[in-house]
Amino acid sequence: MHQWVYVSKCIVPDADIQNAIDSIIKVSQSRNMDLQVTGALFFTGTHFAQLLEGPPGGMMTLRSSILADPRHKDALTMLEGRIEQRRFHGWALAYSGPSLVLS
């Protein structure tokens, strides 16, 4: 089991942000289930932060997709590596936002 935690800057125009978040959640919940990835997404209004965990192959596929997503930039890996067990078992994608924590 692997994990990846990153933070990135949102570049979606304010007027489009709710639609973008809704799309991210909808697509991610389905895709993450298929890849056996669980995790949580946080949005501050200016930045995304995400903790993801799953099998190496699923994580590699998901990471490539996330890094290519044009809705954000400057993704910074905060933590990555092997873990013994999931923290978000049963959560294809938990979501919290907006928050003032990272603003």
N, C-alpha and C. Protein backbone atom coordinates (compact mmCIF):
# COMPACT_ATOMS: atom_id res chain seq x y z
N MET A 1 0.85 -1.17 0.00
CA MET A 1 0.00 0.00 0.00
C MET A 1 0.90 1.24 0.00
N HIS A 2 0.56 2.20 -0.86
CA HIS A 2 1.33 3.45 -0.96
C HIS A 2 0.43 4.64 -0.63
N GLN A 3 1.07 5.75 -0.27
CA GLN A 3 0.34 7.00 -0.07
C GLN A 3 1.06 8.13 -0.78
N TRP A 4 0.28 9.16 -1.09
CA TRP A 4 0.82 10.38 -1.68
C TRP A 4 0.01 11.55 -1.15
N VAL A 5 0.70 12.54 -0.64
CA VAL A 5 0.07 13.76 -0.16
C VAL A 5 0.68 14.92 -0.94
N TYR A 6 -0.17 15.74 -1.54
CA TYR A 6 0.33 16.88 -2.29
C TYR A 6 -0.53 18.11 -2.02
N VAL A 7 0.03 19.26 -2.33
CA VAL A 7 -0.66 20.54 -2.30
C VAL A 7 -0.43 21.21 -3.65
N SER A 8 -1.45 21.86 -4.20
CA SER A 8 -1.30 22.56 -5.48
C SER A 8 -2.14 23.83 -5.47
N LYS A 9 -1.81 24.72 -6.39
CA LYS A 9 -2.53 26.00 -6.51
C LYS A 9 -3.66 25.86 -7.52
N CYS A 10 -4.85 26.22 -7.12
CA CYS A 10 -6.02 26.20 -8.00
C CYS A 10 -5.91 27.34 -9.00
N ILE A 11 -6.15 27.05 -10.29
CA ILE A 11 -6.15 28.10 -11.31
C ILE A 11 -7.49 28.20 -12.02
N VAL A 12 -8.52 27.66 -11.42
CA VAL A 12 -9.88 27.76 -11.97
C VAL A 12 -10.43 29.14 -11.63
N PRO A 13 -11.02 29.84 -12.59
CA PRO A 13 -11.63 31.13 -12.29
C PRO A 13 -12.70 31.00 -11.21
N ASP A 14 -12.82 32.00 -10.35
CA ASP A 14 -13.77 31.95 -9.24
C ASP A 14 -15.18 31.60 -9.68
N ALA A 15 -15.61 32.11 -10.81
CA ALA A 15 -16.97 31.87 -11.30
C ALA A 15 -17.21 30.40 -11.66
N ASP A 16 -16.15 29.66 -11.93
CA ASP A 16 -16.27 28.27 -12.36
C ASP A 16 -15.90 27.26 -11.28
N ILE A 17 -15.51 27.73 -10.11
CA ILE A 17 -14.93 26.84 -9.11
C ILE A 17 -15.91 25.77 -8.62
N GLN A 18 -17.15 26.13 -8.36
CA GLN A 18 -18.08 25.12 -7.84
C GLN A 18 -18.31 24.00 -8.84
N ASN A 19 -18.45 24.34 -10.12
CA ASN A 19 -18.60 23.30 -11.14
C ASN A 19 -17.35 22.43 -11.23
N ALA A 20 -16.18 23.05 -11.11
CA ALA A 20 -14.93 22.28 -11.16
C ALA A 20 -14.84 21.33 -9.98
N ILE A 21 -15.15 21.79 -8.79
CA ILE A 21 -15.11 20.93 -7.59
C ILE A 21 -16.10 19.78 -7.73
N ASP A 22 -17.31 20.09 -8.16
CA ASP A 22 -18.32 19.03 -8.34
C ASP A 22 -17.83 17.98 -9.33
N SER A 23 -17.20 18.41 -10.42
CA SER A 23 -16.68 17.49 -11.42
C SER A 23 -15.54 16.64 -10.86
N ILE A 24 -14.63 17.27 -10.13
CA ILE A 24 -13.52 16.54 -9.52
C ILE A 24 -14.06 15.45 -8.60
N ILE A 25 -15.01 15.78 -7.76
CA ILE A 25 -15.56 14.82 -6.81
C ILE A 25 -16.25 13.67 -7.54
N LYS A 26 -17.10 14.00 -8.50
CA LYS A 26 -17.85 12.97 -9.22
C LYS A 26 -16.91 12.00 -9.95
N VAL A 27 -15.98 12.54 -10.70
CA VAL A 27 -15.05 11.69 -11.46
C VAL A 27 -14.13 10.91 -10.52
N SER A 28 -13.63 11.58 -9.49
CA SER A 28 -12.68 10.95 -8.58
C SER A 28 -13.28 9.81 -7.79
N GLN A 29 -14.50 9.97 -7.31
CA GLN A 29 -15.10 8.90 -6.53
C GLN A 29 -15.23 7.63 -7.35
N SER A 30 -15.67 7.76 -8.58
CA SER A 30 -15.81 6.59 -9.46
C SER A 30 -14.45 6.00 -9.84
N ARG A 31 -13.54 6.85 -10.28
CA ARG A 31 -12.22 6.39 -10.71
C ARG A 31 -11.44 5.78 -9.55
N ASN A 32 -11.49 6.42 -8.40
CA ASN A 32 -10.76 5.90 -7.25
C ASN A 32 -11.24 4.52 -6.85
N MET A 33 -12.55 4.30 -6.92
CA MET A 33 -13.08 2.97 -6.60
C MET A 33 -12.51 1.94 -7.58
N ASP A 34 -12.48 2.28 -8.86
CA ASP A 34 -11.94 1.37 -9.87
C ASP A 34 -10.46 1.07 -9.64
N LEU A 35 -9.71 2.07 -9.17
CA LEU A 35 -8.27 1.91 -8.94
C LEU A 35 -7.94 1.40 -7.54
N GLN A 36 -8.98 1.21 -6.71
CA GLN A 36 -8.82 0.79 -5.32
C GLN A 36 -8.03 1.82 -4.50
N VAL A 37 -8.25 3.09 -4.81
CA VAL A 37 -7.60 4.19 -4.11
C VAL A 37 -8.61 4.86 -3.19
N THR A 38 -8.18 5.22 -2.00
CA THR A 38 -9.01 5.96 -1.07
C THR A 38 -8.27 7.24 -0.68
N GLY A 39 -9.00 8.18 -0.09
CA GLY A 39 -8.33 9.40 0.32
C GLY A 39 -9.27 10.54 0.60
N ALA A 40 -8.66 11.72 0.74
CA ALA A 40 -9.42 12.93 1.07
C ALA A 40 -8.87 14.11 0.28
N LEU A 41 -9.79 14.96 -0.16
CA LEU A 41 -9.46 16.18 -0.89
C LEU A 41 -9.89 17.37 -0.05
N PHE A 42 -9.00 18.36 0.05
CA PHE A 42 -9.28 19.59 0.77
C PHE A 42 -9.11 20.75 -0.20
N PHE A 43 -9.98 21.75 -0.08
CA PHE A 43 -9.89 22.93 -0.93
C PHE A 43 -10.03 24.16 -0.05
N THR A 44 -9.10 25.09 -0.19
CA THR A 44 -9.09 26.29 0.65
C THR A 44 -9.70 27.50 -0.03
N GLY A 45 -10.01 27.39 -1.30
CA GLY A 45 -10.42 28.53 -2.08
C GLY A 45 -9.31 28.97 -3.02
N THR A 46 -8.07 28.65 -2.67
CA THR A 46 -6.92 28.96 -3.53
C THR A 46 -6.02 27.75 -3.77
N HIS A 47 -6.08 26.76 -2.90
CA HIS A 47 -5.21 25.59 -3.00
C HIS A 47 -6.00 24.29 -2.80
N PHE A 48 -5.50 23.26 -3.44
CA PHE A 48 -5.97 21.90 -3.20
C PHE A 48 -4.93 21.20 -2.34
N ALA A 49 -5.37 20.31 -1.49
CA ALA A 49 -4.48 19.39 -0.78
C ALA A 49 -5.19 18.04 -0.83
N GLN A 50 -4.43 17.00 -1.08
CA GLN A 50 -5.04 15.69 -1.19
C GLN A 50 -4.13 14.63 -0.60
N LEU A 51 -4.73 13.72 0.15
CA LEU A 51 -4.05 12.54 0.65
C LEU A 51 -4.69 11.35 -0.04
N LEU A 52 -3.87 10.57 -0.73
CA LEU A 52 -4.36 9.40 -1.46
C LEU A 52 -3.58 8.18 -1.01
N GLU A 53 -4.26 7.02 -1.02
CA GLU A 53 -3.62 5.78 -0.62
C GLU A 53 -4.20 4.63 -1.42
N GLY A 54 -3.32 3.69 -1.79
CA GLY A 54 -3.80 2.56 -2.57
C GLY A 54 -2.66 1.72 -3.09
N PRO A 55 -2.98 0.73 -3.93
CA PRO A 55 -1.95 -0.12 -4.50
C PRO A 55 -1.05 0.67 -5.45
N PRO A 56 0.21 0.26 -5.58
CA PRO A 56 1.16 1.03 -6.40
C PRO A 56 0.68 1.34 -7.81
N GLY A 57 0.10 0.38 -8.51
CA GLY A 57 -0.35 0.60 -9.88
C GLY A 57 -1.46 1.63 -9.96
N GLY A 58 -2.43 1.55 -9.07
CA GLY A 58 -3.52 2.51 -9.04
C GLY A 58 -3.03 3.90 -8.69
N MET A 59 -2.09 3.96 -7.76
CA MET A 59 -1.54 5.25 -7.36
C MET A 59 -0.76 5.90 -8.50
N MET A 60 -0.02 5.11 -9.25
CA MET A 60 0.76 5.66 -10.36
C MET A 60 -0.18 6.21 -11.44
N THR A 61 -1.23 5.47 -11.75
CA THR A 61 -2.21 5.92 -12.74
C THR A 61 -2.88 7.21 -12.29
N LEU A 62 -3.30 7.25 -11.05
CA LEU A 62 -3.99 8.42 -10.53
C LEU A 62 -3.07 9.64 -10.45
N ARG A 63 -1.85 9.42 -10.00
CA ARG A 63 -0.89 10.52 -9.89
C ARG A 63 -0.63 11.16 -11.26
N SER A 64 -0.45 10.35 -12.28
CA SER A 64 -0.23 10.88 -13.63
C SER A 64 -1.40 11.74 -14.08
N SER A 65 -2.60 11.27 -13.80
CA SER A 65 -3.80 12.01 -14.18
C SER A 65 -3.90 13.34 -13.42
N ILE A 66 -3.64 13.30 -12.13
CA ILE A 66 -3.71 14.51 -11.31
C ILE A 66 -2.69 15.53 -11.77
N LEU A 67 -1.47 15.10 -12.01
CA LEU A 67 -0.42 16.04 -12.41
C LEU A 67 -0.68 16.66 -13.77
N ALA A 68 -1.47 16.00 -14.61
CA ALA A 68 -1.80 16.53 -15.94
C ALA A 68 -3.06 17.40 -15.93
N ASP A 69 -3.75 17.48 -14.81
CA ASP A 69 -5.02 18.21 -14.73
C ASP A 69 -4.77 19.71 -14.84
N PRO A 70 -5.42 20.39 -15.81
CA PRO A 70 -5.18 21.82 -16.03
C PRO A 70 -5.88 22.73 -15.03
N ARG A 71 -6.59 22.18 -14.06
CA ARG A 71 -7.29 23.01 -13.08
C ARG A 71 -6.40 23.46 -11.93
N HIS A 72 -5.16 22.97 -11.93
CA HIS A 72 -4.24 23.38 -10.88
C HIS A 72 -2.81 23.38 -11.41
N LYS A 73 -1.90 23.97 -10.61
CA LYS A 73 -0.49 24.02 -11.01
C LYS A 73 0.37 23.95 -9.75
N ASP A 74 1.66 23.81 -9.99
CA ASP A 74 2.65 23.83 -8.90
C ASP A 74 2.38 22.77 -7.84
N ALA A 75 2.06 21.56 -8.27
CA ALA A 75 1.84 20.48 -7.31
C ALA A 75 3.13 20.19 -6.55
N LEU A 76 3.05 20.21 -5.25
CA LEU A 76 4.19 19.98 -4.38
C LEU A 76 3.92 18.74 -3.54
N THR A 77 4.75 17.72 -3.69
CA THR A 77 4.60 16.51 -2.90
C THR A 77 5.04 16.80 -1.47
N MET A 78 4.15 16.54 -0.54
CA MET A 78 4.44 16.76 0.87
C MET A 78 4.90 15.48 1.55
N LEU A 79 4.38 14.35 1.07
CA LEU A 79 4.68 13.05 1.67
C LEU A 79 4.34 11.97 0.67
N GLU A 80 5.20 10.97 0.58
CA GLU A 80 4.86 9.81 -0.23
C GLU A 80 5.66 8.62 0.27
N GLY A 81 5.11 7.44 0.03
CA GLY A 81 5.82 6.24 0.42
C GLY A 81 4.88 5.12 0.82
N ARG A 82 5.49 4.09 1.31
CA ARG A 82 4.76 2.89 1.70
C ARG A 82 4.08 3.09 3.06
N ILE A 83 2.87 2.55 3.19
CA ILE A 83 2.15 2.56 4.46
C ILE A 83 1.66 1.15 4.75
N GLU A 84 1.43 0.87 6.01
CA GLU A 84 0.97 -0.46 6.42
C GLU A 84 -0.53 -0.63 6.24
N GLN A 85 -1.29 0.43 6.50
CA GLN A 85 -2.75 0.32 6.37
C GLN A 85 -3.35 1.66 5.97
N ARG A 86 -4.56 1.58 5.44
CA ARG A 86 -5.27 2.77 4.99
C ARG A 86 -5.75 3.61 6.18
N ARG A 87 -5.78 4.90 5.96
CA ARG A 87 -6.40 5.82 6.92
C ARG A 87 -7.85 6.13 6.52
N PHE A 88 -8.15 5.99 5.23
CA PHE A 88 -9.46 6.36 4.70
C PHE A 88 -10.19 5.15 4.12
N HIS A 89 -10.10 4.04 4.79
CA HIS A 89 -10.75 2.81 4.34
C HIS A 89 -12.23 3.08 4.07
N GLY A 90 -12.67 2.73 2.88
CA GLY A 90 -14.08 2.89 2.52
C GLY A 90 -14.43 4.27 1.97
N TRP A 91 -13.48 5.17 1.90
CA TRP A 91 -13.74 6.51 1.38
C TRP A 91 -13.08 6.65 0.02
N ALA A 92 -13.84 6.49 -1.06
CA ALA A 92 -13.28 6.66 -2.40
C ALA A 92 -12.72 8.07 -2.54
N LEU A 93 -13.40 9.04 -1.95
CA LEU A 93 -12.87 10.40 -1.87
C LEU A 93 -13.71 11.19 -0.88
N ALA A 94 -13.14 11.46 0.27
CA ALA A 94 -13.77 12.38 1.22
C ALA A 94 -13.43 13.78 0.75
N TYR A 95 -14.33 14.74 1.01
CA TYR A 95 -14.09 16.11 0.57
C TYR A 95 -14.35 17.09 1.69
N SER A 96 -13.47 18.04 1.83
CA SER A 96 -13.66 19.13 2.79
C SER A 96 -13.27 20.43 2.13
N GLY A 97 -14.12 21.41 2.21
CA GLY A 97 -13.75 22.70 1.65
C GLY A 97 -14.96 23.60 1.58
N PRO A 98 -14.81 24.85 1.34
CA PRO A 98 -13.52 25.54 1.47
C PRO A 98 -13.15 25.75 2.92
N SER A 99 -11.88 25.86 3.17
CA SER A 99 -11.32 26.05 4.50
C SER A 99 -10.35 27.21 4.45
N LEU A 100 -9.98 27.73 5.56
CA LEU A 100 -9.02 28.82 5.62
C LEU A 100 -7.65 28.34 6.06
N VAL A 101 -7.48 27.03 6.24
CA VAL A 101 -6.25 26.48 6.78
C VAL A 101 -5.04 26.82 5.93
N LEU A 102 -5.10 26.68 4.61
CA LEU A 102 -3.94 26.88 3.76
C LEU A 102 -3.95 28.20 3.00
N SER A 103 -4.94 29.00 3.19
CA SER A 103 -5.05 30.25 2.42
C SER A 103 -3.97 31.23 2.77
